[in-house]
Each structure stands twice: as structure tokens, then as C-alpha cells.
Amino acid sequence: MRDLALMGILEILPRLRQLKTRLRQTVADIQSRRPDIVVTIDSPGFTLRVLRAIGPLGIPRAHYVAPQVWAWREGRVKHYPGLWESLLCLLPFEPAFFAGHDLPATFVGHPVLESGCDAGDATRFPRPAPPRPTA
């Protein structure tokens, strides 16, 4: 995962050859193991390429954490048909968004939101000390 945890063109460009190698290795591993299903998780820059590459193998594909195209670059959604058989969404409005683009999706929930963190008591946290006057 460390090889894939890159953000921005300045981090990606120097590692492009390594990323392509990791992609080929991942696809080759899936081809040799022939799993019952491939579940990719987030990291669309890498995982969507994997899904596209293994499509001809006929292995069912699921993608967890829907790409947030609804928030930015909605036009990218046109590249998704055929990439997966199941798209698993964290947010309740996402299935309707993807259905509007003829992409079936299922809301599975967000682990942080379902943890009850929204019902926390902020008053329990100590307030920061006021700044000390400088002499």
C-alpha cells in the first residue's frame, strides 16, 4: 500500500514505472489465483485500472467506496460502466446518483457515521489553556 499512497502529480511521476509494475503484478496475481470475486477498495487511480484490466477474465468485481464524482468531475462517471458488477457506497445519496447514470450501486453505510460519533459530547473535551502573556 505504501507504493500506492501517493497524491498529486509530483509524487506520481517519479514512481510511474513502479506503479505500472504493481498494476501488472496485481493483474497477474488475480489471473493466477482466479478468486471467486475481486473486491477493490477506494484508491480509484489504481483500483479502477485493475478492474478494467481483469474484466475479460469474467471474475465478478465489486468496488467499495464509490468514487466521489458527485462532488467533483461528474463527467468521469461515463468511464465507469462495465468496471464492476457491484458498487458499494458509504453515503446514502450515492446509489441514486449512480442510478441516474445507469450504474447500479448499494448503500452499505459509513463505519465512522455508524459508530455513533455524531452523538458524542463535545463538552467532555478540555478547552485549550489561554495563551500565556509574554514578558
N, C-alpha and C. Protein backbone atom coordinates (compact mmCIF):
# COMPACT_ATOMS: atom_id res chain seq x y z
N MET A 1 0.81 -1.20 0.00
CA MET A 1 0.00 0.00 0.00
C MET A 1 0.85 1.26 0.00
N ARG A 2 2.02 1.16 0.59
CA ARG A 2 2.89 2.32 0.65
C ARG A 2 3.23 2.81 -0.77
N ASP A 3 3.38 1.85 -1.71
CA ASP A 3 3.68 2.22 -3.09
C ASP A 3 2.54 2.99 -3.74
N LEU A 4 1.31 2.76 -3.27
CA LEU A 4 0.14 3.36 -3.88
C LEU A 4 -0.33 4.62 -3.19
N ALA A 5 0.18 4.88 -2.00
CA ALA A 5 -0.27 6.03 -1.21
C ALA A 5 0.41 7.30 -1.70
N LEU A 6 0.04 7.72 -2.89
CA LEU A 6 0.63 8.90 -3.50
C LEU A 6 -0.46 9.90 -3.83
N MET A 7 -0.13 11.17 -3.72
CA MET A 7 -1.09 12.21 -4.08
C MET A 7 -0.38 13.25 -4.93
N GLY A 8 -1.03 13.65 -5.96
CA GLY A 8 -0.50 14.73 -6.78
C GLY A 8 0.51 14.25 -7.80
N ILE A 9 0.58 14.97 -8.86
CA ILE A 9 1.43 14.61 -9.99
C ILE A 9 2.91 14.57 -9.61
N LEU A 10 3.34 15.42 -8.68
CA LEU A 10 4.75 15.45 -8.30
C LEU A 10 5.17 14.19 -7.57
N GLU A 11 4.26 13.53 -6.88
CA GLU A 11 4.58 12.26 -6.22
C GLU A 11 4.46 11.09 -7.20
N ILE A 12 3.54 11.19 -8.13
CA ILE A 12 3.26 10.08 -9.04
C ILE A 12 4.31 9.95 -10.14
N LEU A 13 4.68 11.04 -10.77
CA LEU A 13 5.59 10.97 -11.92
C LEU A 13 6.88 10.20 -11.66
N PRO A 14 7.60 10.47 -10.57
CA PRO A 14 8.83 9.72 -10.35
C PRO A 14 8.61 8.22 -10.11
N ARG A 15 7.40 7.84 -9.75
CA ARG A 15 7.10 6.44 -9.44
C ARG A 15 6.23 5.77 -10.49
N LEU A 16 6.05 6.40 -11.62
CA LEU A 16 5.16 5.87 -12.65
C LEU A 16 5.54 4.46 -13.08
N ARG A 17 6.81 4.22 -13.30
CA ARG A 17 7.26 2.87 -13.71
C ARG A 17 6.92 1.85 -12.62
N GLN A 18 7.16 2.20 -11.37
CA GLN A 18 6.85 1.30 -10.26
C GLN A 18 5.35 1.04 -10.17
N LEU A 19 4.53 2.07 -10.37
CA LEU A 19 3.08 1.89 -10.33
C LEU A 19 2.60 0.97 -11.44
N LYS A 20 3.16 1.11 -12.62
CA LYS A 20 2.79 0.23 -13.73
C LYS A 20 3.20 -1.21 -13.44
N THR A 21 4.35 -1.37 -12.80
CA THR A 21 4.79 -2.72 -12.41
C THR A 21 3.83 -3.32 -11.40
N ARG A 22 3.43 -2.53 -10.40
CA ARG A 22 2.48 -3.02 -9.38
C ARG A 22 1.14 -3.39 -10.02
N LEU A 23 0.70 -2.62 -10.99
CA LEU A 23 -0.55 -2.93 -11.69
C LEU A 23 -0.42 -4.27 -12.42
N ARG A 24 0.66 -4.45 -13.15
CA ARG A 24 0.86 -5.73 -13.86
C ARG A 24 0.95 -6.90 -12.88
N GLN A 25 1.65 -6.71 -11.77
CA GLN A 25 1.77 -7.77 -10.76
C GLN A 25 0.40 -8.12 -10.17
N THR A 26 -0.40 -7.10 -9.89
CA THR A 26 -1.72 -7.33 -9.31
C THR A 26 -2.60 -8.10 -10.27
N VAL A 27 -2.63 -7.69 -11.53
CA VAL A 27 -3.44 -8.38 -12.54
C VAL A 27 -2.95 -9.81 -12.72
N ALA A 28 -1.64 -10.02 -12.78
CA ALA A 28 -1.09 -11.36 -12.94
C ALA A 28 -1.46 -12.25 -11.76
N ASP A 29 -1.43 -11.69 -10.55
CA ASP A 29 -1.79 -12.46 -9.37
C ASP A 29 -3.27 -12.87 -9.41
N ILE A 30 -4.12 -11.96 -9.83
CA ILE A 30 -5.55 -12.27 -9.94
C ILE A 30 -5.76 -13.34 -11.01
N GLN A 31 -5.05 -13.23 -12.12
CA GLN A 31 -5.17 -14.23 -13.18
C GLN A 31 -4.75 -15.61 -12.69
N SER A 32 -3.67 -15.67 -11.93
CA SER A 32 -3.18 -16.97 -11.48
C SER A 32 -4.04 -17.57 -10.37
N ARG A 33 -4.56 -16.75 -9.48
CA ARG A 33 -5.36 -17.26 -8.36
C ARG A 33 -6.82 -17.52 -8.72
N ARG A 34 -7.33 -16.77 -9.68
CA ARG A 34 -8.73 -16.90 -10.12
C ARG A 34 -9.70 -16.91 -8.92
N PRO A 35 -9.75 -15.82 -8.15
CA PRO A 35 -10.64 -15.78 -6.98
C PRO A 35 -12.11 -15.80 -7.42
N ASP A 36 -12.99 -16.10 -6.48
CA ASP A 36 -14.43 -16.10 -6.76
C ASP A 36 -14.94 -14.69 -7.04
N ILE A 37 -14.31 -13.71 -6.41
CA ILE A 37 -14.69 -12.31 -6.61
C ILE A 37 -13.47 -11.44 -6.28
N VAL A 38 -13.38 -10.30 -6.92
CA VAL A 38 -12.34 -9.33 -6.61
C VAL A 38 -13.04 -8.10 -6.04
N VAL A 39 -12.65 -7.73 -4.84
CA VAL A 39 -13.18 -6.53 -4.19
C VAL A 39 -12.06 -5.51 -4.10
N THR A 40 -12.23 -4.41 -4.79
CA THR A 40 -11.24 -3.32 -4.70
C THR A 40 -11.77 -2.29 -3.72
N ILE A 41 -10.84 -1.61 -3.07
CA ILE A 41 -11.23 -0.65 -2.03
C ILE A 41 -10.58 0.69 -2.32
N ASP A 42 -11.44 1.69 -2.58
CA ASP A 42 -11.02 3.07 -2.74
C ASP A 42 -9.88 3.19 -3.75
N SER A 43 -8.99 4.11 -3.58
CA SER A 43 -7.83 4.34 -4.44
C SER A 43 -8.16 4.19 -5.92
N PRO A 44 -9.09 4.99 -6.45
CA PRO A 44 -9.56 4.78 -7.81
C PRO A 44 -8.49 4.86 -8.89
N GLY A 45 -7.46 5.66 -8.67
CA GLY A 45 -6.41 5.76 -9.67
C GLY A 45 -5.77 4.41 -9.98
N PHE A 46 -5.70 3.56 -9.00
CA PHE A 46 -5.11 2.23 -9.18
C PHE A 46 -6.19 1.16 -9.37
N THR A 47 -7.14 1.13 -8.45
CA THR A 47 -8.10 0.02 -8.45
C THR A 47 -9.00 0.00 -9.68
N LEU A 48 -9.38 1.14 -10.18
CA LEU A 48 -10.23 1.13 -11.37
C LEU A 48 -9.46 0.62 -12.59
N ARG A 49 -8.17 0.83 -12.62
CA ARG A 49 -7.33 0.26 -13.69
C ARG A 49 -7.26 -1.27 -13.54
N VAL A 50 -7.17 -1.74 -12.30
CA VAL A 50 -7.17 -3.18 -12.06
C VAL A 50 -8.49 -3.77 -12.53
N LEU A 51 -9.61 -3.15 -12.15
CA LEU A 51 -10.93 -3.66 -12.54
C LEU A 51 -11.06 -3.72 -14.06
N ARG A 52 -10.59 -2.70 -14.73
CA ARG A 52 -10.65 -2.67 -16.19
C ARG A 52 -9.81 -3.80 -16.79
N ALA A 53 -8.62 -4.00 -16.25
CA ALA A 53 -7.70 -5.00 -16.79
C ALA A 53 -8.19 -6.43 -16.58
N ILE A 54 -8.90 -6.68 -15.48
CA ILE A 54 -9.35 -8.05 -15.22
C ILE A 54 -10.74 -8.33 -15.76
N GLY A 55 -11.38 -7.33 -16.34
CA GLY A 55 -12.71 -7.53 -16.90
C GLY A 55 -12.83 -8.74 -17.80
N PRO A 56 -11.92 -8.94 -18.75
CA PRO A 56 -12.02 -10.09 -19.65
C PRO A 56 -11.91 -11.45 -18.97
N LEU A 57 -11.45 -11.50 -17.71
CA LEU A 57 -11.32 -12.78 -17.01
C LEU A 57 -12.67 -13.34 -16.59
N GLY A 58 -13.70 -12.51 -16.55
CA GLY A 58 -15.03 -12.97 -16.15
C GLY A 58 -15.20 -13.18 -14.66
N ILE A 59 -14.29 -12.68 -13.87
CA ILE A 59 -14.39 -12.77 -12.41
C ILE A 59 -15.28 -11.63 -11.94
N PRO A 60 -16.29 -11.91 -11.10
CA PRO A 60 -17.12 -10.83 -10.58
C PRO A 60 -16.27 -9.80 -9.83
N ARG A 61 -16.65 -8.53 -10.01
CA ARG A 61 -15.88 -7.43 -9.43
C ARG A 61 -16.80 -6.52 -8.62
N ALA A 62 -16.33 -6.15 -7.44
CA ALA A 62 -17.05 -5.20 -6.59
C ALA A 62 -16.06 -4.11 -6.20
N HIS A 63 -16.58 -2.90 -6.11
CA HIS A 63 -15.73 -1.78 -5.69
C HIS A 63 -16.37 -1.11 -4.47
N TYR A 64 -15.58 -1.01 -3.40
CA TYR A 64 -16.04 -0.42 -2.15
C TYR A 64 -15.49 0.99 -2.04
N VAL A 65 -16.32 1.90 -1.69
CA VAL A 65 -16.10 3.33 -1.59
C VAL A 65 -16.25 3.93 -2.99
N ALA A 66 -17.47 4.30 -3.28
CA ALA A 66 -17.79 4.86 -4.59
C ALA A 66 -16.94 6.09 -4.88
N PRO A 67 -16.43 6.19 -6.11
CA PRO A 67 -15.68 7.40 -6.46
C PRO A 67 -16.56 8.64 -6.25
N GLN A 68 -16.00 9.67 -5.69
CA GLN A 68 -16.78 10.86 -5.34
C GLN A 68 -16.95 11.81 -6.52
N VAL A 69 -17.35 11.25 -7.64
CA VAL A 69 -17.56 12.08 -8.82
C VAL A 69 -18.74 13.03 -8.65
N TRP A 70 -19.62 12.74 -7.72
CA TRP A 70 -20.76 13.63 -7.46
C TRP A 70 -20.26 14.96 -6.87
N ALA A 71 -19.08 14.94 -6.25
CA ALA A 71 -18.55 16.15 -5.62
C ALA A 71 -17.66 16.94 -6.57
N TRP A 72 -17.00 16.25 -7.48
CA TRP A 72 -16.09 16.91 -8.41
C TRP A 72 -15.95 16.02 -9.64
N ARG A 73 -15.84 16.64 -10.76
CA ARG A 73 -15.63 15.96 -12.04
C ARG A 73 -16.68 14.90 -12.35
N GLU A 74 -17.93 15.32 -12.34
CA GLU A 74 -19.03 14.39 -12.60
C GLU A 74 -18.86 13.70 -13.96
N GLY A 75 -18.21 14.34 -14.90
CA GLY A 75 -18.03 13.76 -16.23
C GLY A 75 -17.26 12.44 -16.22
N ARG A 76 -16.50 12.19 -15.17
CA ARG A 76 -15.73 10.94 -15.09
C ARG A 76 -16.63 9.71 -14.98
N VAL A 77 -17.87 9.92 -14.55
CA VAL A 77 -18.77 8.79 -14.36
C VAL A 77 -19.00 8.02 -15.66
N LYS A 78 -18.80 8.67 -16.79
CA LYS A 78 -19.02 8.00 -18.08
C LYS A 78 -17.99 6.90 -18.34
N HIS A 79 -16.90 6.89 -17.58
CA HIS A 79 -15.86 5.87 -17.75
C HIS A 79 -16.11 4.62 -16.91
N TYR A 80 -17.15 4.60 -16.10
CA TYR A 80 -17.36 3.51 -15.14
C TYR A 80 -18.18 2.33 -15.64
N PRO A 81 -19.10 2.49 -16.58
CA PRO A 81 -19.90 1.32 -16.97
C PRO A 81 -19.01 0.14 -17.37
N GLY A 82 -19.34 -1.03 -16.83
CA GLY A 82 -18.61 -2.25 -17.13
C GLY A 82 -17.42 -2.52 -16.24
N LEU A 83 -17.09 -1.61 -15.33
CA LEU A 83 -15.92 -1.83 -14.47
C LEU A 83 -16.20 -2.78 -13.32
N TRP A 84 -17.45 -2.84 -12.87
CA TRP A 84 -17.78 -3.67 -11.73
C TRP A 84 -19.21 -4.18 -11.86
N GLU A 85 -19.47 -5.23 -11.13
CA GLU A 85 -20.84 -5.74 -11.05
C GLU A 85 -21.55 -5.16 -9.84
N SER A 86 -20.77 -4.71 -8.87
CA SER A 86 -21.35 -4.17 -7.64
C SER A 86 -20.52 -2.98 -7.16
N LEU A 87 -21.21 -1.88 -6.91
CA LEU A 87 -20.57 -0.69 -6.35
C LEU A 87 -21.16 -0.48 -4.96
N LEU A 88 -20.30 -0.45 -3.96
CA LEU A 88 -20.73 -0.32 -2.57
C LEU A 88 -20.46 1.10 -2.09
N CYS A 89 -21.51 1.76 -1.64
CA CYS A 89 -21.45 3.19 -1.32
C CYS A 89 -21.47 3.45 0.18
N LEU A 90 -20.72 4.45 0.60
CA LEU A 90 -20.68 4.84 2.01
C LEU A 90 -21.79 5.80 2.40
N LEU A 91 -22.26 6.59 1.47
CA LEU A 91 -23.21 7.65 1.77
C LEU A 91 -24.58 7.33 1.17
N PRO A 92 -25.66 7.62 1.88
CA PRO A 92 -26.99 7.18 1.46
C PRO A 92 -27.49 7.78 0.15
N PHE A 93 -26.99 8.92 -0.27
CA PHE A 93 -27.48 9.52 -1.51
C PHE A 93 -26.74 9.01 -2.75
N GLU A 94 -25.64 8.30 -2.55
CA GLU A 94 -24.83 7.87 -3.69
C GLU A 94 -25.53 6.88 -4.63
N PRO A 95 -26.28 5.88 -4.13
CA PRO A 95 -26.93 4.98 -5.07
C PRO A 95 -27.85 5.70 -6.06
N ALA A 96 -28.59 6.69 -5.61
CA ALA A 96 -29.47 7.43 -6.51
C ALA A 96 -28.65 8.20 -7.55
N PHE A 97 -27.54 8.78 -7.14
CA PHE A 97 -26.68 9.49 -8.09
C PHE A 97 -26.20 8.53 -9.18
N PHE A 98 -25.67 7.38 -8.78
CA PHE A 98 -25.15 6.45 -9.76
C PHE A 98 -26.27 5.82 -10.60
N ALA A 99 -27.42 5.60 -10.00
CA ALA A 99 -28.56 5.08 -10.78
C ALA A 99 -28.93 6.05 -11.89
N GLY A 100 -28.79 7.34 -11.64
CA GLY A 100 -29.05 8.34 -12.66
C GLY A 100 -28.09 8.25 -13.83
N HIS A 101 -27.03 7.49 -13.66
CA HIS A 101 -26.04 7.27 -14.73
C HIS A 101 -26.04 5.80 -15.15
N ASP A 102 -27.14 5.10 -14.85
CA ASP A 102 -27.30 3.67 -15.20
C ASP A 102 -26.21 2.79 -14.61
N LEU A 103 -25.77 3.13 -13.41
CA LEU A 103 -24.79 2.32 -12.69
C LEU A 103 -25.41 1.85 -11.38
N PRO A 104 -25.69 0.56 -11.27
CA PRO A 104 -26.27 0.07 -10.01
C PRO A 104 -25.29 0.23 -8.85
N ALA A 105 -25.82 0.62 -7.71
CA ALA A 105 -24.99 0.83 -6.53
C ALA A 105 -25.82 0.50 -5.29
N THR A 106 -25.12 0.11 -4.24
CA THR A 106 -25.77 -0.28 -2.99
C THR A 106 -25.17 0.52 -1.84
N PHE A 107 -26.03 1.12 -1.04
CA PHE A 107 -25.59 1.81 0.17
C PHE A 107 -25.29 0.77 1.24
N VAL A 108 -24.05 0.78 1.76
CA VAL A 108 -23.67 -0.16 2.81
C VAL A 108 -23.38 0.54 4.13
N GLY A 109 -23.33 1.86 4.11
CA GLY A 109 -23.10 2.61 5.34
C GLY A 109 -21.66 3.04 5.49
N HIS A 110 -21.48 3.98 6.38
CA HIS A 110 -20.16 4.53 6.66
C HIS A 110 -19.76 4.15 8.07
N PRO A 111 -18.66 3.43 8.25
CA PRO A 111 -18.31 2.95 9.58
C PRO A 111 -18.15 4.06 10.61
N VAL A 112 -17.65 5.20 10.23
CA VAL A 112 -17.48 6.29 11.20
C VAL A 112 -18.84 6.86 11.59
N LEU A 113 -19.70 7.07 10.59
CA LEU A 113 -21.02 7.62 10.89
C LEU A 113 -21.86 6.66 11.73
N GLU A 114 -21.68 5.38 11.51
CA GLU A 114 -22.45 4.39 12.25
C GLU A 114 -21.86 4.08 13.61
N SER A 115 -20.69 4.64 13.91
CA SER A 115 -20.05 4.39 15.20
C SER A 115 -20.69 5.17 16.34
N GLY A 116 -21.55 6.11 15.98
CA GLY A 116 -22.18 6.94 17.00
C GLY A 116 -21.39 8.20 17.30
N CYS A 117 -20.37 8.48 16.50
CA CYS A 117 -19.54 9.65 16.79
C CYS A 117 -20.35 10.95 16.70
N ASP A 118 -21.44 10.93 15.95
CA ASP A 118 -22.25 12.14 15.84
C ASP A 118 -23.06 12.40 17.11
N ALA A 119 -23.09 11.44 18.01
CA ALA A 119 -23.83 11.61 19.26
C ALA A 119 -22.88 11.87 20.44
N GLY A 120 -21.65 12.23 20.12
CA GLY A 120 -20.66 12.48 21.17
C GLY A 120 -20.96 13.74 21.96
N ASP A 121 -20.25 13.91 23.05
CA ASP A 121 -20.45 15.05 23.93
C ASP A 121 -19.19 15.91 23.91
N ALA A 122 -19.21 16.95 23.10
CA ALA A 122 -18.04 17.81 22.94
C ALA A 122 -17.66 18.52 24.23
N THR A 123 -18.60 18.68 25.15
CA THR A 123 -18.29 19.39 26.38
C THR A 123 -17.34 18.59 27.27
N ARG A 124 -17.19 17.30 26.99
CA ARG A 124 -16.28 16.46 27.78
C ARG A 124 -14.82 16.76 27.47
N PHE A 125 -14.56 17.37 26.34
CA PHE A 125 -13.18 17.64 25.95
C PHE A 125 -12.70 18.91 26.63
N PRO A 126 -11.50 18.88 27.15
CA PRO A 126 -10.99 20.08 27.83
C PRO A 126 -10.75 21.21 26.83
N ARG A 127 -10.98 22.40 27.32
CA ARG A 127 -10.71 23.58 26.48
C ARG A 127 -9.21 23.87 26.53
N PRO A 128 -8.66 24.36 25.44
CA PRO A 128 -7.24 24.70 25.49
C PRO A 128 -6.99 25.85 26.47
N ALA A 129 -5.84 25.81 27.09
CA ALA A 129 -5.47 26.87 28.04
C ALA A 129 -5.29 28.18 27.27
N PRO A 130 -5.66 29.29 27.87
CA PRO A 130 -5.46 30.57 27.20
C PRO A 130 -3.95 30.82 27.02
N PRO A 131 -3.60 31.57 26.00
CA PRO A 131 -2.16 31.84 25.80
C PRO A 131 -1.59 32.62 26.97
N ARG A 132 -0.36 32.30 27.29
CA ARG A 132 0.31 32.99 28.40
C ARG A 132 0.85 34.32 27.89
N PRO A 133 0.72 35.34 28.74
CA PRO A 133 1.29 36.63 28.34
C PRO A 133 2.80 36.55 28.26
N THR A 134 3.36 37.19 27.29
CA THR A 134 4.81 37.20 27.17
C THR A 134 5.36 38.43 27.89
N ALA A 135 6.49 38.26 28.52
CA ALA A 135 7.07 39.37 29.29
C ALA A 135 8.11 40.11 28.51
